[in-house]
N, C-alpha and C. Protein backbone atom coordinates (compact mmCIF):
# COMPACT_ATOMS: atom_id res chain seq x y z
N UNK A 1 -46.87 -59.38 78.54
CA UNK A 1 -47.02 -58.64 80.17
C UNK A 1 -47.50 -58.95 80.54
N UNK A 2 -48.51 -59.36 80.48
CA UNK A 2 -49.95 -59.01 81.37
C UNK A 2 -49.92 -60.46 81.81
N UNK A 3 -49.55 -61.50 81.12
CA UNK A 3 -49.68 -63.08 82.04
C UNK A 3 -48.13 -63.36 82.57
N UNK A 4 -47.04 -62.31 82.66
CA UNK A 4 -46.10 -62.54 83.98
C UNK A 4 -46.83 -61.87 84.87
N UNK A 5 -47.49 -60.64 84.78
CA UNK A 5 -48.16 -59.77 85.92
C UNK A 5 -49.30 -60.88 86.70
N UNK A 6 -49.97 -61.44 86.10
CA UNK A 6 -50.43 -62.29 86.29
C UNK A 6 -50.33 -63.81 87.59
N UNK A 7 -49.07 -64.11 86.61
CA UNK A 7 -48.12 -64.78 87.41
C UNK A 7 -47.60 -64.75 88.93
N UNK A 8 -47.15 -63.10 88.92
CA UNK A 8 -46.22 -62.74 89.92
C UNK A 8 -47.75 -62.68 91.07
N UNK A 9 -48.58 -62.36 90.73
CA UNK A 9 -50.04 -61.47 91.59
C UNK A 9 -50.06 -62.91 92.44
N UNK A 10 -50.48 -63.91 91.06
CA UNK A 10 -50.79 -65.05 92.05
C UNK A 10 -49.43 -66.10 92.96
N UNK A 11 -48.61 -65.44 92.17
CA UNK A 11 -47.14 -66.10 93.72
C UNK A 11 -47.49 -65.22 94.79
N UNK A 12 -47.56 -63.80 94.52
CA UNK A 12 -47.41 -63.32 96.07
C UNK A 12 -48.92 -63.88 96.89
N UNK A 13 -49.88 -63.91 96.11
CA UNK A 13 -50.66 -63.99 97.11
C UNK A 13 -50.71 -65.86 97.61
N UNK A 14 -50.25 -66.71 97.23
CA UNK A 14 -50.06 -68.03 97.56
C UNK A 14 -48.88 -67.93 98.62
N UNK A 15 -47.79 -67.37 98.31
CA UNK A 15 -46.55 -67.01 99.59
C UNK A 15 -47.06 -66.11 100.54
N UNK A 16 -47.94 -65.28 100.88
CA UNK A 16 -48.49 -64.66 101.83
C UNK A 16 -49.12 -65.71 102.87
N UNK A 17 -49.91 -66.43 101.86
CA UNK A 17 -51.19 -67.68 102.82
C UNK A 17 -49.89 -68.78 103.08
N UNK A 18 -48.92 -69.24 102.52
CA UNK A 18 -48.27 -69.96 102.77
C UNK A 18 -47.68 -69.57 104.10
N UNK A 19 -46.85 -68.26 103.77
CA UNK A 19 -45.87 -68.06 104.93
C UNK A 19 -46.85 -67.56 106.18
N UNK A 20 -48.13 -67.31 105.91
CA UNK A 20 -48.51 -67.38 107.21
C UNK A 20 -49.34 -68.19 107.98
N UNK A 21 -49.06 -69.10 107.30
CA UNK A 21 -50.00 -70.53 108.10
C UNK A 21 -47.88 -71.36 108.27
N UNK A 22 -47.40 -70.56 107.87
CA UNK A 22 -46.42 -71.60 107.95
C UNK A 22 -45.48 -70.94 109.42
N UNK A 23 -45.89 -69.46 110.13
CA UNK A 23 -45.55 -68.26 111.14
C UNK A 23 -46.46 -68.89 112.07
N UNK A 24 -47.84 -69.43 112.10
CA UNK A 24 -48.24 -70.24 113.19
C UNK A 24 -47.52 -71.40 113.56
N UNK A 25 -47.23 -72.04 112.97
CA UNK A 25 -46.35 -73.12 113.30
C UNK A 25 -45.50 -72.82 114.07
N UNK A 26 -44.34 -71.82 114.32
CA UNK A 26 -43.52 -71.41 114.88
C UNK A 26 -43.56 -71.01 116.19
N UNK A 27 -42.55 -71.09 117.26
CA UNK A 27 -43.02 -70.11 118.56
C UNK A 27 -42.66 -68.74 117.97
N UNK A 28 -43.12 -67.89 119.18
CA UNK A 28 -43.02 -66.49 118.67
C UNK A 28 -41.77 -65.75 119.12
N UNK A 29 -40.82 -66.82 119.80
CA UNK A 29 -39.36 -66.41 120.19
C UNK A 29 -38.56 -66.85 119.03
N UNK A 30 -38.83 -67.63 118.72
CA UNK A 30 -37.94 -68.53 117.27
C UNK A 30 -38.31 -67.59 116.14
N UNK A 31 -39.66 -66.90 115.92
CA UNK A 31 -40.17 -66.54 114.62
C UNK A 31 -39.20 -65.18 114.22
N UNK A 32 -39.41 -64.36 115.97
CA UNK A 32 -38.92 -62.79 116.10
C UNK A 32 -37.09 -63.28 115.74
N UNK A 33 -36.63 -64.21 116.05
CA UNK A 33 -34.97 -64.68 115.92
C UNK A 33 -35.09 -64.23 114.70
N UNK A 34 -36.11 -65.10 113.78
CA UNK A 34 -35.69 -65.98 112.04
C UNK A 34 -35.68 -64.43 111.73
N UNK A 35 -37.16 -63.73 112.08
CA UNK A 35 -37.04 -62.18 111.06
C UNK A 35 -35.53 -61.18 111.78
N UNK A 36 -35.18 -61.55 112.30
CA UNK A 36 -34.18 -60.80 112.87
C UNK A 36 -33.15 -60.90 112.05
N UNK A 37 -32.94 -62.37 111.91
CA UNK A 37 -31.84 -62.76 111.24
C UNK A 37 -32.18 -62.20 109.96
N UNK A 38 -32.65 -62.56 109.52
CA UNK A 38 -32.94 -61.77 107.83
C UNK A 38 -33.22 -60.15 107.46
N UNK A 39 -33.66 -59.50 108.51
CA UNK A 39 -33.44 -57.97 107.90
C UNK A 39 -31.81 -58.03 108.19
N UNK A 40 -31.15 -58.56 109.02
CA UNK A 40 -29.64 -58.32 109.12
C UNK A 40 -28.73 -58.84 108.01
N UNK A 41 -29.24 -59.65 107.87
CA UNK A 41 -28.47 -60.56 106.46
C UNK A 41 -29.13 -59.31 104.69
N UNK A 42 -30.19 -58.71 105.31
CA UNK A 42 -30.60 -57.64 103.99
C UNK A 42 -29.95 -56.61 104.18
N UNK A 43 -30.06 -56.42 105.50
CA UNK A 43 -29.08 -55.18 105.98
C UNK A 43 -27.98 -55.13 105.21
N UNK A 44 -26.89 -55.84 105.59
CA UNK A 44 -25.22 -56.09 105.39
C UNK A 44 -25.13 -56.12 103.94
N UNK A 45 -26.57 -56.97 103.00
CA UNK A 45 -26.43 -57.38 101.66
C UNK A 45 -26.44 -55.84 100.95
N UNK A 46 -27.14 -55.46 101.32
CA UNK A 46 -27.63 -53.92 100.89
C UNK A 46 -25.80 -52.91 101.12
N UNK A 47 -25.58 -52.81 102.47
CA UNK A 47 -24.74 -52.06 102.80
C UNK A 47 -23.15 -52.80 102.03
N UNK A 48 -23.40 -54.07 101.83
CA UNK A 48 -21.87 -54.78 101.14
C UNK A 48 -22.57 -54.07 99.21
N UNK A 49 -23.67 -53.95 98.95
CA UNK A 49 -23.51 -54.08 97.58
C UNK A 49 -23.66 -52.29 97.19
N UNK A 50 -23.54 -51.63 98.03
CA UNK A 50 -23.72 -50.17 98.26
C UNK A 50 -21.69 -50.00 98.26
N UNK A 51 -21.06 -50.18 98.75
CA UNK A 51 -19.58 -50.41 98.46
C UNK A 51 -19.47 -50.74 97.04
N UNK A 52 -19.90 -51.54 96.62
CA UNK A 52 -19.76 -51.87 95.02
C UNK A 52 -19.70 -51.55 94.11
N UNK A 53 -20.50 -50.23 94.51
CA UNK A 53 -21.24 -49.41 93.28
C UNK A 53 -19.80 -48.70 92.67
């Protein structure tokens, strides 16, 4: 299990660095729209999942 944890930590660190670097390349307005769409998608997915229970 420890090897899985190390891989997860490495993935989180790499994803954070790459995501931050990519966010600097996207204009602020488009980045706000993208984050809004992601948050909306996650919210809809969670609401639909709660009805399926």
